[in-house]
């Protein structure tokens, strides 16, 4: 994986829905390498709810 950035595809506070959506997005997305996906769980502790996020790596354009 060269230079690039992570782009959020989906974010929710519902863990079950996040897992379902993550499976759907990964199945439909045309990225063959699973290392190009990132699944994050952002712990909200007692103040904020836990947030679940699915991101995909977007390589930088050549010459950037």
Protein backbone atom coordinates (compact mmCIF):
# COMPACT_ATOMS: atom_id res chain seq x y z
CA UNK A 1 0.00 0.00 0.00
CA UNK A 2 1.56 3.28 -1.09
CA UNK A 3 0.58 6.86 -0.30
CA UNK A 4 -3.12 7.61 0.02
CA UNK A 5 -5.89 8.18 2.54
CA UNK A 6 -8.79 6.38 4.21
CA UNK A 7 -12.31 7.32 3.07
CA UNK A 8 -15.25 6.55 5.36
CA UNK A 9 -17.95 4.55 3.55
CA UNK A 10 -20.31 3.92 6.45
CA UNK A 11 -20.69 4.99 10.09
CA UNK A 12 -23.31 4.10 12.73
CA UNK A 13 -23.86 3.59 16.46
CA UNK A 14 -25.70 0.28 15.84
CA UNK A 15 -23.17 -2.57 16.01
CA UNK A 16 -25.43 -5.21 14.40
CA UNK A 17 -26.36 -2.91 11.53
CA UNK A 18 -22.68 -1.98 11.07
CA UNK A 19 -21.66 -5.65 10.70
CA UNK A 20 -24.46 -6.25 8.18
CA UNK A 21 -23.58 -3.13 6.20
CA UNK A 22 -19.85 -3.95 6.34
CA UNK A 23 -20.48 -7.40 4.81
CA UNK A 24 -22.72 -5.88 2.11
CA UNK A 25 -20.29 -3.09 1.20
CA UNK A 26 -17.32 -5.46 1.08
CA UNK A 27 -19.24 -7.90 -1.13
CA UNK A 28 -20.30 -5.15 -3.56
CA UNK A 29 -17.09 -3.11 -3.57
CA UNK A 30 -14.62 -3.81 -6.35
CA UNK A 31 -11.56 -3.96 -4.09
CA UNK A 32 -9.96 -7.39 -4.23
CA UNK A 33 -7.49 -6.89 -1.38
CA UNK A 34 -9.15 -7.07 2.08
CA UNK A 35 -6.30 -5.02 3.56
CA UNK A 36 -7.79 -2.05 1.67
CA UNK A 37 -10.76 -2.05 4.11
CA UNK A 38 -10.60 -0.79 7.67
CA UNK A 39 -13.17 -1.53 10.38
CA UNK A 40 -12.99 0.82 13.37
CA UNK A 41 -14.81 0.76 16.70
CA UNK A 42 -14.63 4.17 18.36
CA UNK A 43 -15.33 3.71 22.06
CA UNK A 44 -17.59 6.45 23.38
CA UNK A 45 -17.14 5.53 27.07
CA UNK A 46 -19.98 6.82 29.24
CA UNK A 47 -20.48 10.23 27.61
CA UNK A 48 -20.93 9.31 23.94
CA UNK A 49 -22.25 6.14 22.27
CA UNK A 50 -19.78 3.73 20.67
CA UNK A 51 -19.44 4.46 16.94
CA UNK A 52 -18.64 1.87 14.27
CA UNK A 53 -16.95 2.91 11.03
CA UNK A 54 -16.07 1.18 7.73
CA UNK A 55 -13.41 2.85 5.57
CA UNK A 56 -11.67 2.01 2.30
CA UNK A 57 -8.12 3.01 1.34
CA UNK A 58 -7.96 5.39 -1.62
CA UNK A 59 -4.49 5.54 -3.22
CA UNK A 60 -3.22 8.97 -4.22
CA UNK A 61 -3.31 9.78 -7.93
CA UNK A 62 0.06 9.44 -9.71
CA UNK A 63 2.13 12.61 -9.42
CA UNK A 64 0.35 13.80 -6.31
